[in-house]
Amino acid sequence: MSTDPALQEQLNSMMSKARRSLKAARRHLADSDFDFAASRAYYAVFYAMEAALLTRGVTCSTHGGVLAAFSERFIKTGALPVEFGSKAARLFRERQIADYEFDMSVNGPAAEQDVAVASDILGAVEEDDQFFSRPCLPMKLLDRSQQERQSRRRARRGGGRRAAAGAPARA
């Protein structure tokens, strides 16, 4: 694990949150609260993916970015089973339904599968020393590096976020 105490504490917090999310998913599943079980299952995996990426000095600003970066660094390299990529993407889709759809819900069998998948992925990340044994960038360097990458991306896109229709563009 990293010798940077701040980074170590951050990783421990992220993995603790992942475990707590999985525990909450199981409680929601037991209560037949399937939407919330699916959402918490996704977040268990999301926090574990973020932690694994942080061990490589990678942070992402969007959920899609985390999924893509995790796939690139851990699925496509063979560090984790290839099916984990599609399973994580499925969890993301289920979470979208669970959190944002009002005319659709996640059903019991789907929520059960979501919790099982989250347990498998979280277990694989926790049990494999490769995720937390490599040295990491110190937090200050990581923060500055992330800021520099975001500034370069904004410059390439021609500024910050796009202005809403009819709103004046920023100078």
Protein backbone atom coordinates (compact mmCIF):
# COMPACT_ATOMS: atom_id res chain seq x y z
CA MET A 1 0.00 0.00 0.00
CA SER A 2 1.06 3.58 -0.40
CA THR A 3 3.27 5.17 2.22
CA ASP A 4 1.31 8.44 1.95
CA PRO A 5 -0.89 8.50 5.08
CA ALA A 6 -3.46 10.87 3.53
CA LEU A 7 -3.86 8.63 0.51
CA GLN A 8 -4.03 5.52 2.68
CA GLU A 9 -6.77 7.12 4.74
CA GLN A 10 -8.67 8.11 1.57
CA LEU A 11 -8.47 4.58 0.17
CA ASN A 12 -9.61 3.08 3.48
CA SER A 13 -12.56 5.50 3.57
CA MET A 14 -13.54 4.67 0.00
CA MET A 15 -13.44 0.92 0.58
CA SER A 16 -15.33 1.30 3.87
CA LYS A 17 -18.04 3.21 2.03
CA ALA A 18 -18.14 0.47 -0.62
CA ARG A 19 -18.62 -2.21 2.05
CA ARG A 20 -21.30 -0.13 3.82
CA SER A 21 -23.12 0.36 0.50
CA LEU A 22 -23.14 -3.38 -0.14
CA LYS A 23 -24.44 -3.98 3.38
CA ALA A 24 -27.21 -1.43 2.78
CA ALA A 25 -28.03 -3.09 -0.57
CA ARG A 26 -28.50 -6.39 1.23
CA ARG A 27 -30.79 -4.76 3.82
CA HIS A 28 -32.88 -3.13 1.09
CA LEU A 29 -33.08 -6.44 -0.76
CA ALA A 30 -34.28 -8.20 2.40
CA ASP A 31 -36.93 -5.49 2.79
CA SER A 32 -38.06 -5.97 -0.84
CA ASP A 33 -36.98 -2.40 -1.57
CA PHE A 34 -35.50 -3.38 -4.93
CA ASP A 35 -34.79 0.05 -6.44
CA PHE A 36 -32.72 1.06 -3.44
CA ALA A 37 -30.99 -2.33 -3.34
CA ALA A 38 -29.93 -1.90 -6.97
CA SER A 39 -28.75 1.66 -6.40
CA ARG A 40 -26.66 0.74 -3.33
CA ALA A 41 -25.23 -2.29 -5.17
CA TYR A 42 -24.04 0.00 -7.95
CA TYR A 43 -22.49 2.45 -5.50
CA ALA A 44 -20.66 -0.35 -3.71
CA VAL A 45 -18.95 -1.16 -7.00
CA PHE A 46 -18.52 2.49 -7.96
CA TYR A 47 -16.63 3.33 -4.74
CA ALA A 48 -14.44 0.24 -5.12
CA MET A 49 -13.66 1.17 -8.74
CA GLU A 50 -12.78 4.71 -7.69
CA ALA A 51 -10.45 3.38 -4.99
CA ALA A 52 -8.75 0.95 -7.38
CA LEU A 53 -8.25 3.75 -9.90
CA LEU A 54 -6.85 6.04 -7.22
CA THR A 55 -4.16 3.44 -6.52
CA ARG A 56 -2.99 4.15 -10.07
CA GLY A 57 -3.21 7.92 -9.66
CA VAL A 58 -6.40 8.16 -11.73
CA THR A 59 -9.49 10.15 -10.80
CA CYS A 60 -12.54 10.78 -12.94
CA SER A 61 -15.22 13.44 -12.77
CA THR A 62 -18.13 11.34 -14.09
CA HIS A 63 -19.60 7.91 -13.48
CA GLY A 64 -19.05 7.04 -17.14
CA GLY A 65 -15.44 8.11 -16.81
CA VAL A 66 -14.93 5.82 -13.83
CA LEU A 67 -16.48 2.89 -15.71
CA ALA A 68 -14.34 3.53 -18.80
CA ALA A 69 -11.10 4.05 -16.89
CA PHE A 70 -11.69 0.98 -14.73
CA SER A 71 -12.37 -1.12 -17.81
CA GLU A 72 -9.28 0.21 -19.57
CA ARG A 73 -6.93 -0.36 -16.63
CA PHE A 74 -8.30 -3.51 -15.01
CA ILE A 75 -10.65 -5.35 -17.38
CA LYS A 76 -8.89 -5.00 -20.74
CA THR A 77 -5.53 -5.76 -19.12
CA GLY A 78 -6.84 -9.05 -17.73
CA ALA A 79 -6.44 -7.98 -14.10
CA LEU A 80 -10.13 -8.79 -13.57
CA PRO A 81 -12.48 -11.10 -15.47
CA VAL A 82 -13.79 -9.59 -18.67
CA GLU A 83 -17.41 -10.13 -17.62
CA PHE A 84 -16.93 -7.65 -14.78
CA GLY A 85 -16.95 -4.86 -17.36
CA SER A 86 -20.41 -5.70 -18.68
CA LYS A 87 -21.67 -6.43 -15.17
CA ALA A 88 -20.52 -3.03 -13.90
CA ALA A 89 -22.19 -1.39 -16.91
CA ARG A 90 -25.39 -3.29 -16.13
CA LEU A 91 -25.27 -2.06 -12.52
CA PHE A 92 -24.96 1.49 -13.85
CA ARG A 93 -28.04 1.06 -16.05
CA GLU A 94 -30.01 -0.49 -13.19
CA ARG A 95 -29.01 2.40 -10.93
CA GLN A 96 -30.27 4.88 -13.53
CA ILE A 97 -33.66 3.15 -13.52
CA ALA A 98 -33.72 2.83 -9.74
CA ASP A 99 -32.80 6.44 -9.04
CA TYR A 100 -34.40 8.37 -11.89
CA GLU A 101 -37.30 6.46 -13.42
CA PHE A 102 -40.76 6.76 -11.91
CA ASP A 103 -42.68 4.59 -14.35
CA MET A 104 -40.15 1.73 -14.17
CA SER A 105 -38.65 -0.16 -11.25
CA VAL A 106 -36.00 -2.78 -10.68
CA ASN A 107 -37.68 -6.12 -9.92
CA GLY A 108 -36.69 -8.64 -7.25
CA PRO A 109 -34.66 -11.05 -9.41
CA ALA A 110 -32.76 -8.17 -11.02
CA ALA A 111 -31.99 -6.62 -7.62
CA GLU A 112 -30.81 -10.01 -6.33
CA GLN A 113 -28.49 -10.30 -9.31
CA ASP A 114 -27.25 -6.72 -8.78
CA VAL A 115 -26.35 -7.42 -5.15
CA ALA A 116 -24.61 -10.69 -6.09
CA VAL A 117 -22.61 -8.96 -8.83
CA ALA A 118 -21.63 -6.13 -6.49
CA SER A 119 -20.48 -8.67 -3.92
CA ASP A 120 -18.36 -10.47 -6.53
CA ILE A 121 -16.71 -7.32 -7.88
CA LEU A 122 -16.11 -5.77 -4.47
CA GLY A 123 -14.69 -9.06 -3.21
CA ALA A 124 -12.33 -9.32 -6.18
CA VAL A 125 -11.04 -5.79 -5.66
CA GLU A 126 -10.59 -6.29 -1.91
CA GLU A 127 -8.92 -9.69 -2.15
CA ASP A 128 -6.44 -8.89 -4.91
CA ASP A 129 -3.25 -7.30 -3.60
CA GLN A 130 -2.49 -5.74 -6.98
CA PHE A 131 -5.04 -3.01 -6.38
CA PHE A 132 -3.58 -1.65 -3.20
CA SER A 133 0.07 -2.75 -3.24
CA ARG A 134 1.45 -0.38 -5.90
CA PRO A 135 2.77 3.00 -4.85
CA CYS A 136 0.44 5.89 -5.54
CA LEU A 137 0.85 9.56 -6.23
CA PRO A 138 0.68 11.75 -3.14
CA MET A 139 -2.71 13.45 -2.80
CA LYS A 140 -1.35 16.95 -3.44
CA LEU A 141 0.33 15.87 -6.67
CA LEU A 142 -2.76 13.97 -7.71
CA ASP A 143 -4.99 16.97 -7.05
CA ARG A 144 -2.76 19.33 -9.05
CA SER A 145 -2.36 16.82 -11.86
CA GLN A 146 -6.13 16.34 -12.07
CA GLN A 147 -6.67 20.10 -12.17
CA GLU A 148 -4.13 20.49 -14.96
CA ARG A 149 -5.78 17.74 -17.03
CA GLN A 150 -9.19 19.33 -16.57
CA SER A 151 -7.82 22.75 -17.61
CA ARG A 152 -6.27 21.27 -20.76
CA ARG A 153 -9.56 19.51 -21.63
CA ARG A 154 -11.53 22.73 -21.19
CA ALA A 155 -9.05 24.62 -23.35
CA ARG A 156 -9.36 22.01 -26.12
CA ARG A 157 -13.16 22.24 -25.95
CA GLY A 158 -13.08 26.01 -26.15
CA GLY A 159 -13.78 26.94 -22.55
CA GLY A 160 -15.90 25.62 -19.77
CA ARG A 161 -19.29 24.03 -19.97
CA ARG A 162 -21.56 24.94 -22.83
CA ALA A 163 -23.91 27.77 -22.13
CA ALA A 164 -27.61 26.99 -22.06
CA ALA A 165 -29.60 28.03 -25.10
CA GLY A 166 -30.11 31.78 -25.00
CA ALA A 167 -27.60 32.28 -22.18
CA PRO A 168 -24.56 34.44 -22.86
CA ALA A 169 -21.31 32.54 -23.32
CA ARG A 170 -18.53 33.13 -20.85
CA ALA A 171 -15.54 35.12 -21.97
